[in-house]
Amino acid sequence: MYTISKLLFANATFYHVRRNIKSALYITGEKAQHMFVAVHPEIDCSKIFREDELSLNLQKRGININLEKLKKRFFFFKTVEEKKIILEETRDELNTLYNNLTKNPTNTDKINQLKLHKFVVKEELKSLKEFLTGLQENVMLSILNLPNDLHESTPETDEVHYQYLEKPNYMSQNHIDIAIKLDLIKLVEGWGCFFKSEASRFESAISNYFVHRLIDAQFIPFQNADFTRSVIVEGCGTNVIGNNEILTIHELNKKNEVVQELCRLHLTGSASTYAFMAYFAKHVVPYSIFPLKYFCYGRSYNGNIRTNDNLFNLNQESVLNVFLAIVEDDAWQEFQNLTQLIIELYDSLGWHYRLVYLQPDKLKKNESLRLSIQMFSTSSQEYVEVGYVSYYGKYISERLLFSCSNKTETLYPKIISGNILNVPKLLGCILENDQTPDKKLLNKLLCQYLP
């Protein structure tokens, strides 16, 4: 069965909110004094000085950012910060002079002059700090909002890395029409669907197949929470303000007032990179246990822009998410090893699919490279992504302070993560690709993994 819990929706309201705050990840000034600050992200300011490299990255991704303006703001911020330091030193010197003079108060004119000077410096420092807080937030958030560096293997245009069998050359019915005719699913308008009979057995078999094969490949099963705080979502590179792809819980107190805006909960699902990073944020993991290789089979949730009228566009999906963290220089080798494992998994299923390296403008801001697992929809005559693996490098670990120590320095792991299996999308493609009259979903291989 495949459904969103009614109990969950009965006790929480999900909505897309545009807030007056700028960031849950980077909190400065007065806000930091009145609330708990979860992390202080490691910010790589040197990015803006690698102007040619960054400019090319933005151009390839189709992102419009005025780098010259950003650099000017950064240098202005540093100038103001230096002035603040000078004022603080001046304040300390005046305090010392004033304290020494008041021990023997013979020169009242000098004391009054120092007192006035102290007052002027104090007021100027107070005003400067207020101005600097807003300036710092503006500059640092702009730098935090810069995209991840592109991996050298990211192609200029979509590049097919591997293909199994030939693309089907026929037109079929839509998978929903097929599934309803065979009584395989029940759509519940607005929030999801149920898998029935053979489709339910297919979900059990395909999930067991992937789980067993990953365990054989030395991956460790992991169980995460379904909910993630704003700071984690933003730390992973996803904007939580006005983002239609993120489900946000509207929490109210007894007075029917909205709870702290910087402390939202988001329904992301247990099988997501967000959920893994909620566990590892601010963790220092022993160097000796790397590389970390985990997976979670569970739910993934998407925002209400989904129509829920077909298996390719559901709010809730059953997925298998893998999570790797590597501190050595062999992260790319681990990515290739995972790619080879995906090839073995999908080849054995016996349906046509392909692996595609996506071009830069199709990548998310946090992705350095994305390998898309695609199957062909014979009704729409288009490829559908039934899984993916993303190479994030240190982008996420630096922002959320996931690190390890090798006794001489602090290292930030390189992260590889993604949903290598999306059950509803895979089922939809298989229903359309299968040309046998009974649309049999379970082949000999999958029958071996039925509970």
Protein backbone atom coordinates (compact mmCIF):
# COMPACT_ATOMS: atom_id res chain seq x y z
CA MET A 1 0.00 0.00 0.00
CA TYR A 2 1.16 3.48 -0.83
CA THR A 3 -0.41 6.42 0.95
CA ILE A 4 0.10 9.62 2.94
CA SER A 5 -0.97 9.27 6.55
CA LYS A 6 -4.33 10.92 7.32
CA LEU A 7 -3.24 11.34 10.93
CA LEU A 8 -0.28 13.43 9.82
CA PHE A 9 -2.45 15.80 7.84
CA ALA A 10 -5.03 15.98 10.62
CA ASN A 11 -2.55 17.49 13.08
CA ALA A 12 -0.55 19.84 10.85
CA THR A 13 -1.20 22.34 8.13
CA PHE A 14 1.23 22.35 5.19
CA TYR A 15 1.64 25.52 3.24
CA HIS A 16 4.16 27.53 1.29
CA VAL A 17 5.20 30.55 3.27
CA ARG A 18 7.01 33.74 2.29
CA ARG A 19 8.75 34.94 5.43
CA ASN A 20 10.25 38.27 6.46
CA ILE A 21 13.51 36.65 7.55
CA LYS A 22 16.42 36.16 5.21
CA SER A 23 17.97 32.91 6.38
CA ALA A 24 17.64 30.09 8.89
CA LEU A 25 21.22 29.03 8.21
CA TYR A 26 23.08 32.32 8.67
CA ILE A 27 21.92 34.28 11.73
CA THR A 28 23.73 37.38 12.97
CA GLY A 29 23.32 40.36 15.25
CA GLU A 30 20.27 40.78 17.46
CA LYS A 31 18.51 37.66 16.12
CA ALA A 32 21.48 35.52 17.23
CA GLN A 33 21.20 36.89 20.79
CA HIS A 34 17.55 35.95 21.18
CA MET A 35 17.46 32.45 19.74
CA PHE A 36 19.46 29.23 19.47
CA VAL A 37 21.85 29.26 16.52
CA ALA A 38 22.20 25.69 15.25
CA VAL A 39 25.27 26.11 13.04
CA HIS A 40 27.78 28.71 11.94
CA PRO A 41 28.41 27.60 8.34
CA GLU A 42 31.89 27.53 6.87
CA ILE A 43 31.73 30.22 4.17
CA ASP A 44 34.24 30.13 1.31
CA CYS A 45 34.67 33.83 0.51
CA SER A 46 37.50 32.99 -1.90
CA LYS A 47 34.84 31.92 -4.43
CA ILE A 48 34.18 35.50 -5.48
CA PHE A 49 37.88 36.03 -6.20
CA ARG A 50 37.96 33.09 -8.62
CA GLU A 51 35.93 35.35 -10.87
CA ASP A 52 36.55 33.68 -14.25
CA GLU A 53 35.75 30.21 -12.91
CA LEU A 54 32.66 31.40 -11.02
CA SER A 55 31.42 33.51 -13.93
CA LEU A 56 31.64 30.49 -16.28
CA ASN A 57 29.82 28.34 -13.70
CA LEU A 58 26.97 30.88 -13.44
CA GLN A 59 26.81 31.25 -17.21
CA LYS A 60 26.52 27.50 -17.77
CA ARG A 61 23.84 27.17 -15.12
CA GLY A 62 21.88 30.13 -16.48
CA ILE A 63 22.12 32.03 -13.17
CA ASN A 64 22.26 35.82 -13.32
CA ILE A 65 24.40 37.27 -10.50
CA ASN A 66 26.35 40.55 -10.72
CA LEU A 67 29.75 39.38 -9.48
CA GLU A 68 31.34 42.81 -9.75
CA LYS A 69 28.66 44.28 -7.51
CA LEU A 70 29.05 41.39 -5.04
CA LYS A 71 32.82 41.92 -4.85
CA LYS A 72 32.36 45.64 -4.22
CA ARG A 73 29.89 44.91 -1.41
CA PHE A 74 32.32 42.39 0.08
CA PHE A 75 35.24 44.85 0.06
CA PHE A 76 33.00 47.56 1.53
CA PHE A 77 31.96 45.13 4.28
CA LYS A 78 35.62 44.38 5.08
CA THR A 79 36.39 48.14 5.19
CA VAL A 80 33.54 48.76 7.64
CA GLU A 81 34.61 45.74 9.69
CA GLU A 82 38.15 47.18 9.94
CA LYS A 83 36.71 50.52 11.08
CA LYS A 84 34.75 48.69 13.78
CA ILE A 85 37.95 47.06 15.03
CA ILE A 86 39.69 50.46 15.17
CA LEU A 87 36.77 51.95 17.11
CA GLU A 88 36.82 49.03 19.56
CA GLU A 89 40.54 49.53 20.13
CA THR A 90 39.98 53.28 20.59
CA ARG A 91 37.18 52.58 23.09
CA ASP A 92 39.46 50.29 25.12
CA GLU A 93 42.27 52.88 25.14
CA LEU A 94 39.90 55.64 26.27
CA ASN A 95 38.52 53.41 29.02
CA THR A 96 42.04 52.77 30.27
CA LEU A 97 42.92 56.48 30.23
CA TYR A 98 39.67 57.41 31.93
CA ASN A 99 40.12 54.81 34.67
CA ASN A 100 43.67 55.99 35.36
CA LEU A 101 42.62 59.65 35.55
CA THR A 102 39.67 59.02 37.86
CA LYS A 103 42.00 57.41 40.41
CA ASN A 104 43.42 60.93 41.03
CA PRO A 105 40.69 63.32 39.88
CA THR A 106 42.70 66.52 39.82
CA ASN A 107 42.18 67.44 36.17
CA THR A 108 38.39 67.58 35.89
CA ASP A 109 38.51 69.21 32.45
CA LYS A 110 40.56 66.29 31.09
CA ILE A 111 38.19 63.80 32.70
CA ASN A 112 35.10 65.50 31.22
CA GLN A 113 36.78 65.64 27.83
CA LEU A 114 37.55 61.92 27.97
CA LYS A 115 34.02 61.18 29.12
CA LEU A 116 32.61 63.05 26.12
CA HIS A 117 35.07 61.32 23.79
CA LYS A 118 34.06 57.94 25.24
CA PHE A 119 30.38 58.74 24.68
CA VAL A 120 30.97 59.76 21.05
CA VAL A 121 32.99 56.61 20.31
CA LYS A 122 30.40 54.42 22.06
CA GLU A 123 27.52 55.86 20.05
CA GLU A 124 29.45 55.65 16.80
CA LEU A 125 30.40 52.03 17.54
CA LYS A 126 26.77 51.18 18.35
CA SER A 127 25.54 52.66 15.07
CA LEU A 128 28.34 51.00 13.13
CA LYS A 129 27.57 47.58 14.61
CA GLU A 130 23.90 47.88 13.63
CA PHE A 131 24.86 48.89 10.11
CA LEU A 132 27.53 46.18 9.92
CA THR A 133 25.08 43.44 10.95
CA GLY A 134 22.77 44.17 8.03
CA LEU A 135 25.70 44.54 5.64
CA GLN A 136 27.32 41.32 6.82
CA GLU A 137 24.06 39.40 6.45
CA ASN A 138 23.54 40.81 2.96
CA VAL A 139 27.06 39.96 1.76
CA MET A 140 27.44 36.55 3.40
CA LEU A 141 24.01 35.35 2.30
CA SER A 142 24.86 36.35 -1.26
CA ILE A 143 28.04 34.25 -1.04
CA LEU A 144 26.15 31.35 0.57
CA ASN A 145 23.65 31.55 -2.30
CA LEU A 146 26.37 30.94 -4.91
CA PRO A 147 26.10 27.51 -6.62
CA ASN A 148 28.40 24.57 -6.08
CA ASP A 149 31.47 24.24 -8.31
CA LEU A 150 30.82 22.19 -11.44
CA HIS A 151 32.53 18.81 -11.59
CA GLU A 152 34.93 18.33 -14.48
CA SER A 153 32.75 15.46 -15.75
CA THR A 154 29.62 17.62 -16.02
CA PRO A 155 29.00 17.91 -19.79
CA GLU A 156 28.04 21.01 -21.77
CA THR A 157 24.88 19.20 -22.95
CA ASP A 158 23.14 16.05 -21.71
CA GLU A 159 25.44 13.09 -22.26
CA VAL A 160 24.29 9.44 -22.32
CA HIS A 161 26.78 7.54 -20.17
CA TYR A 162 25.21 4.08 -20.53
CA GLN A 163 22.18 2.49 -22.20
CA TYR A 164 20.62 -0.95 -21.77
CA LEU A 165 18.58 -2.32 -24.70
CA GLU A 166 17.04 -0.20 -27.44
CA LYS A 167 14.40 2.46 -26.87
CA PRO A 168 10.85 1.10 -27.46
CA ASN A 169 9.50 2.32 -30.81
CA TYR A 170 5.76 1.98 -30.17
CA MET A 171 3.01 4.11 -28.62
CA SER A 172 1.08 2.75 -25.63
CA GLN A 173 -1.79 3.77 -23.40
CA ASN A 174 -1.04 6.00 -20.43
CA HIS A 175 0.07 4.01 -17.39
CA ILE A 176 -2.85 5.33 -15.33
CA ASP A 177 -5.39 3.97 -17.80
CA ILE A 178 -3.54 0.65 -17.84
CA ALA A 179 -3.29 0.50 -14.02
CA ILE A 180 -6.96 1.34 -13.44
CA LYS A 181 -8.07 -1.19 -16.08
CA LEU A 182 -6.02 -3.90 -14.33
CA ASP A 183 -7.15 -2.69 -10.87
CA LEU A 184 -3.57 -2.01 -9.75
CA ILE A 185 -3.94 1.41 -8.15
CA LYS A 186 -6.51 3.68 -6.55
CA LEU A 187 -5.91 7.43 -6.92
CA VAL A 188 -7.06 9.61 -4.03
CA GLU A 189 -7.54 13.08 -5.45
CA GLY A 190 -5.25 15.73 -4.03
CA TRP A 191 -2.94 13.69 -1.84
CA GLY A 192 -1.78 10.36 -3.22
CA CYS A 193 -2.72 6.84 -4.23
CA PHE A 194 -2.88 3.24 -3.10
CA PHE A 195 -1.07 0.31 -4.71
CA LYS A 196 -3.28 -2.74 -5.03
CA SER A 197 -2.85 -6.45 -5.81
CA GLU A 198 0.05 -7.02 -8.23
CA ALA A 199 1.33 -3.41 -7.88
CA SER A 200 1.60 -3.81 -4.12
CA ARG A 201 3.52 -7.08 -4.54
CA PHE A 202 5.75 -5.34 -7.09
CA GLU A 203 6.63 -2.62 -4.56
CA SER A 204 7.56 -5.23 -1.94
CA ALA A 205 9.65 -7.23 -4.39
CA ILE A 206 11.52 -4.32 -6.01
CA SER A 207 12.32 -2.72 -2.65
CA ASN A 208 13.55 -6.04 -1.20
CA TYR A 209 15.67 -6.60 -4.30
CA PHE A 210 17.41 -3.24 -4.01
CA VAL A 211 17.82 -3.52 -0.22
CA HIS A 212 19.40 -6.98 -0.41
CA ARG A 213 21.76 -5.99 -3.21
CA LEU A 214 22.90 -2.84 -1.37
CA ILE A 215 23.57 -4.80 1.82
CA ASP A 216 25.64 -7.26 -0.25
CA ALA A 217 27.60 -4.21 -1.52
CA GLN A 218 28.46 -3.26 2.09
CA PHE A 219 25.90 -0.46 2.44
CA ILE A 220 24.37 -0.09 5.91
CA PRO A 221 20.58 0.34 6.28
CA PHE A 222 19.60 3.54 8.09
CA GLN A 223 16.36 4.91 9.48
CA ASN A 224 15.77 8.67 9.43
CA ALA A 225 13.04 11.04 10.58
CA ASP A 226 10.40 12.30 8.11
CA PHE A 227 10.70 15.90 9.33
CA THR A 228 13.62 18.30 8.88
CA ARG A 229 14.27 21.77 10.30
CA SER A 230 14.69 24.82 8.08
CA VAL A 231 18.37 25.19 8.93
CA ILE A 232 19.10 21.70 7.56
CA VAL A 233 17.08 22.20 4.38
CA GLU A 234 18.81 25.51 3.72
CA GLY A 235 22.18 24.02 4.66
CA CYS A 236 21.66 21.42 1.95
CA GLY A 237 21.32 24.26 -0.55
CA THR A 238 17.52 24.47 -0.88
CA ASN A 239 15.83 27.81 -0.28
CA VAL A 240 12.92 27.39 2.15
CA ILE A 241 11.44 30.84 1.55
CA GLY A 242 8.74 30.82 -1.13
CA ASN A 243 9.80 27.40 -2.38
CA ASN A 244 6.84 25.45 -3.78
CA GLU A 245 8.75 22.17 -3.67
CA ILE A 246 9.07 22.15 0.13
CA LEU A 247 6.20 21.18 2.44
CA THR A 248 6.23 23.41 5.53
CA ILE A 249 4.32 22.89 8.77
CA HIS A 250 2.45 25.92 10.08
CA GLU A 251 2.92 25.67 13.85
CA LEU A 252 0.75 27.72 16.20
CA ASN A 253 1.01 28.31 19.97
CA LYS A 254 -1.89 28.53 22.45
CA LYS A 255 -2.55 32.13 21.45
CA ASN A 256 -2.91 31.04 17.84
CA GLU A 257 0.34 32.87 17.00
CA VAL A 258 2.93 31.55 14.57
CA VAL A 259 5.92 29.93 16.28
CA GLN A 260 9.46 31.23 15.57
CA GLU A 261 9.88 31.63 11.85
CA LEU A 262 13.49 30.48 11.91
CA CYS A 263 12.52 27.13 13.39
CA ARG A 264 10.11 25.63 10.84
CA LEU A 265 9.59 21.93 10.31
CA HIS A 266 9.45 20.56 6.78
CA LEU A 267 8.04 17.22 5.65
CA THR A 268 10.88 15.92 3.50
CA GLY A 269 10.61 12.18 4.12
CA SER A 270 13.06 9.76 5.71
CA ALA A 271 14.58 8.72 2.37
CA SER A 272 16.22 12.03 1.51
CA THR A 273 19.57 13.78 1.72
CA TYR A 274 17.93 16.30 4.07
CA ALA A 275 17.09 13.52 6.53
CA PHE A 276 20.64 12.13 6.50
CA MET A 277 22.17 15.57 7.01
CA ALA A 278 19.77 16.22 9.91
CA TYR A 279 21.61 13.38 11.62
CA PHE A 280 25.16 14.33 10.61
CA ALA A 281 24.99 18.14 10.97
CA LYS A 282 27.55 19.41 13.52
CA HIS A 283 28.90 15.87 13.91
CA VAL A 284 32.62 15.14 14.11
CA VAL A 285 33.00 11.55 12.91
CA PRO A 286 36.19 9.54 13.56
CA TYR A 287 38.47 9.47 10.54
CA SER A 288 38.96 5.70 10.81
CA ILE A 289 35.34 4.78 9.97
CA PHE A 290 35.21 6.55 6.60
CA PRO A 291 33.95 6.03 3.96
CA LEU A 292 30.37 6.03 5.22
CA LYS A 293 27.95 4.10 3.00
CA TYR A 294 24.30 4.17 4.07
CA PHE A 295 20.87 3.81 2.51
CA CYS A 296 17.27 4.37 3.57
CA TYR A 297 14.14 2.99 1.96
CA GLY A 298 11.12 5.12 2.80
CA ARG A 299 9.09 8.13 1.74
CA SER A 300 10.04 11.28 -0.09
CA TYR A 301 7.67 14.26 -0.15
CA ASN A 302 7.27 17.04 -2.72
CA GLY A 303 5.38 20.31 -2.66
CA ASN A 304 1.77 20.87 -3.73
CA ILE A 305 2.76 21.89 -7.26
CA ARG A 306 2.30 18.18 -7.97
CA THR A 307 -0.99 17.18 -9.60
CA ASN A 308 -1.17 13.64 -8.15
CA ASP A 309 -3.03 12.49 -11.26
CA ASN A 310 -0.32 10.11 -12.48
CA LEU A 311 2.59 8.10 -11.07
CA PHE A 312 5.16 10.54 -12.48
CA ASN A 313 3.85 13.50 -10.46
CA LEU A 314 2.97 12.44 -6.91
CA ASN A 315 3.40 14.41 -3.69
CA GLN A 316 4.53 11.30 -1.85
CA GLU A 317 6.86 8.71 -3.37
CA SER A 318 8.43 5.47 -2.16
CA VAL A 319 12.14 5.79 -2.84
CA LEU A 320 15.48 4.32 -1.88
CA ASN A 321 18.05 6.98 -0.99
CA VAL A 322 21.78 6.29 -0.78
CA PHE A 323 24.21 8.45 1.19
CA LEU A 324 28.00 8.29 0.93
CA ALA A 325 30.58 10.43 2.75
CA ILE A 326 34.25 10.22 1.73
CA VAL A 327 37.23 12.12 3.15
CA GLU A 328 39.95 10.73 0.92
CA ASP A 329 40.62 11.80 -2.68
CA ASP A 330 38.83 8.72 -4.04
CA ALA A 331 35.32 10.25 -3.91
CA TRP A 332 35.05 10.11 -7.70
CA GLN A 333 36.04 6.44 -7.64
CA GLU A 334 33.25 5.79 -5.12
CA PHE A 335 30.84 7.60 -7.46
CA GLN A 336 31.92 5.34 -10.34
CA ASN A 337 31.59 2.26 -8.11
CA LEU A 338 28.04 3.30 -7.24
CA THR A 339 27.31 3.88 -10.94
CA GLN A 340 28.49 0.35 -11.72
CA LEU A 341 26.26 -1.04 -8.96
CA ILE A 342 23.27 0.83 -10.44
CA ILE A 343 24.04 -0.67 -13.86
CA GLU A 344 24.08 -4.17 -12.39
CA LEU A 345 20.82 -3.56 -10.51
CA TYR A 346 18.88 -2.22 -13.49
CA ASP A 347 20.38 -4.54 -16.13
CA SER A 348 19.12 -7.51 -14.16
CA LEU A 349 15.56 -6.17 -14.25
CA GLY A 350 15.50 -6.54 -18.04
CA TRP A 351 13.84 -3.27 -19.10
CA HIS A 352 15.30 -0.52 -21.28
CA TYR A 353 16.87 2.38 -19.38
CA ARG A 354 19.76 4.79 -19.72
CA LEU A 355 22.15 6.75 -17.48
CA VAL A 356 22.61 10.41 -18.41
CA TYR A 357 24.99 13.07 -17.10
CA LEU A 358 22.87 16.22 -17.02
CA GLN A 359 24.00 19.57 -18.38
CA PRO A 360 24.69 22.46 -15.95
CA ASP A 361 21.39 24.34 -16.36
CA LYS A 362 19.49 21.21 -15.26
CA LEU A 363 21.47 20.88 -12.02
CA LYS A 364 20.28 22.16 -8.68
CA LYS A 365 22.35 24.85 -6.98
CA ASN A 366 23.93 22.34 -4.58
CA GLU A 367 24.86 19.76 -7.24
CA SER A 368 28.30 19.54 -8.78
CA LEU A 369 27.24 16.68 -11.06
CA ARG A 370 24.05 14.63 -11.52
CA LEU A 371 23.67 11.17 -13.00
CA SER A 372 20.05 10.66 -14.07
CA ILE A 373 18.52 7.15 -14.29
CA GLN A 374 15.90 7.34 -17.02
CA MET A 375 13.26 5.00 -18.47
CA PHE A 376 11.17 5.68 -21.56
CA SER A 377 7.48 6.52 -21.30
CA THR A 378 5.88 5.04 -24.43
CA SER A 379 2.71 7.08 -23.95
CA SER A 380 4.36 10.53 -23.71
CA GLN A 381 7.32 9.46 -25.88
CA GLU A 382 9.70 11.07 -23.37
CA TYR A 383 12.27 9.81 -20.88
CA VAL A 384 11.28 9.88 -17.20
CA GLU A 385 13.80 10.09 -14.36
CA VAL A 386 13.23 7.03 -12.16
CA GLY A 387 16.30 7.70 -10.02
CA TYR A 388 19.43 9.81 -9.75
CA VAL A 389 22.75 10.22 -7.96
CA SER A 390 24.22 13.63 -7.18
CA TYR A 391 27.84 14.53 -6.47
CA TYR A 392 27.89 17.38 -3.92
CA GLY A 393 31.55 17.47 -2.96
CA LYS A 394 32.11 19.44 0.29
CA TYR A 395 29.32 21.92 -0.45
CA ILE A 396 26.82 20.49 2.07
CA SER A 397 29.25 19.29 4.74
CA GLU A 398 30.92 22.72 5.01
CA ARG A 399 27.58 24.51 5.36
CA LEU A 400 26.32 22.12 8.06
CA LEU A 401 29.68 21.47 9.77
CA PHE A 402 29.75 17.71 9.16
CA SER A 403 33.43 16.98 9.66
CA CYS A 404 36.10 14.56 10.80
CA SER A 405 39.45 15.03 12.47
CA ASN A 406 42.67 13.20 11.59
CA LYS A 407 44.54 14.73 14.60
CA THR A 408 46.27 17.38 12.46
CA GLU A 409 43.35 19.15 10.74
CA THR A 410 39.58 19.30 10.38
CA LEU A 411 38.33 17.72 7.16
CA TYR A 412 34.95 18.06 5.51
CA PRO A 413 33.69 14.90 3.76
CA LYS A 414 32.61 14.85 0.14
CA ILE A 415 28.96 13.84 -0.14
CA ILE A 416 27.37 11.60 -2.78
CA SER A 417 23.63 11.03 -2.44
CA GLY A 418 20.45 10.40 -4.39
CA ASN A 419 17.34 8.30 -4.90
CA ILE A 420 18.52 5.37 -6.98
CA LEU A 421 14.98 3.91 -6.99
CA ASN A 422 11.64 5.69 -7.32
CA VAL A 423 8.95 3.00 -7.13
CA PRO A 424 5.89 4.83 -8.60
CA LYS A 425 7.83 6.27 -11.55
CA LEU A 426 9.47 2.91 -12.25
CA LEU A 427 6.08 1.18 -12.06
CA GLY A 428 4.54 3.70 -14.47
CA CYS A 429 7.28 3.15 -17.06
CA ILE A 430 7.13 -0.64 -16.74
CA LEU A 431 3.35 -0.68 -17.23
CA GLU A 432 3.75 1.27 -20.46
CA ASN A 433 6.76 -0.75 -21.68
CA ASP A 434 5.29 -4.18 -20.96
CA GLN A 435 3.46 -5.39 -24.09
CA THR A 436 2.14 -8.70 -22.74
CA PRO A 437 -1.69 -8.82 -22.43
CA ASP A 438 -1.67 -9.40 -18.66
CA LYS A 439 1.00 -6.72 -18.03
CA LYS A 440 2.86 -9.04 -15.69
CA LEU A 441 5.01 -6.94 -13.33
CA LEU A 442 6.90 -9.66 -11.50
CA ASN A 443 9.55 -11.45 -13.54
CA LYS A 444 11.53 -14.45 -12.28
CA LEU A 445 14.12 -12.24 -10.59
CA LEU A 446 11.59 -10.18 -8.60
CA CYS A 447 9.57 -13.25 -7.60
CA GLN A 448 12.63 -14.38 -5.63
CA TYR A 449 12.35 -11.27 -3.43
CA LEU A 450 8.66 -11.54 -2.50
CA PRO A 451 8.16 -11.70 1.29
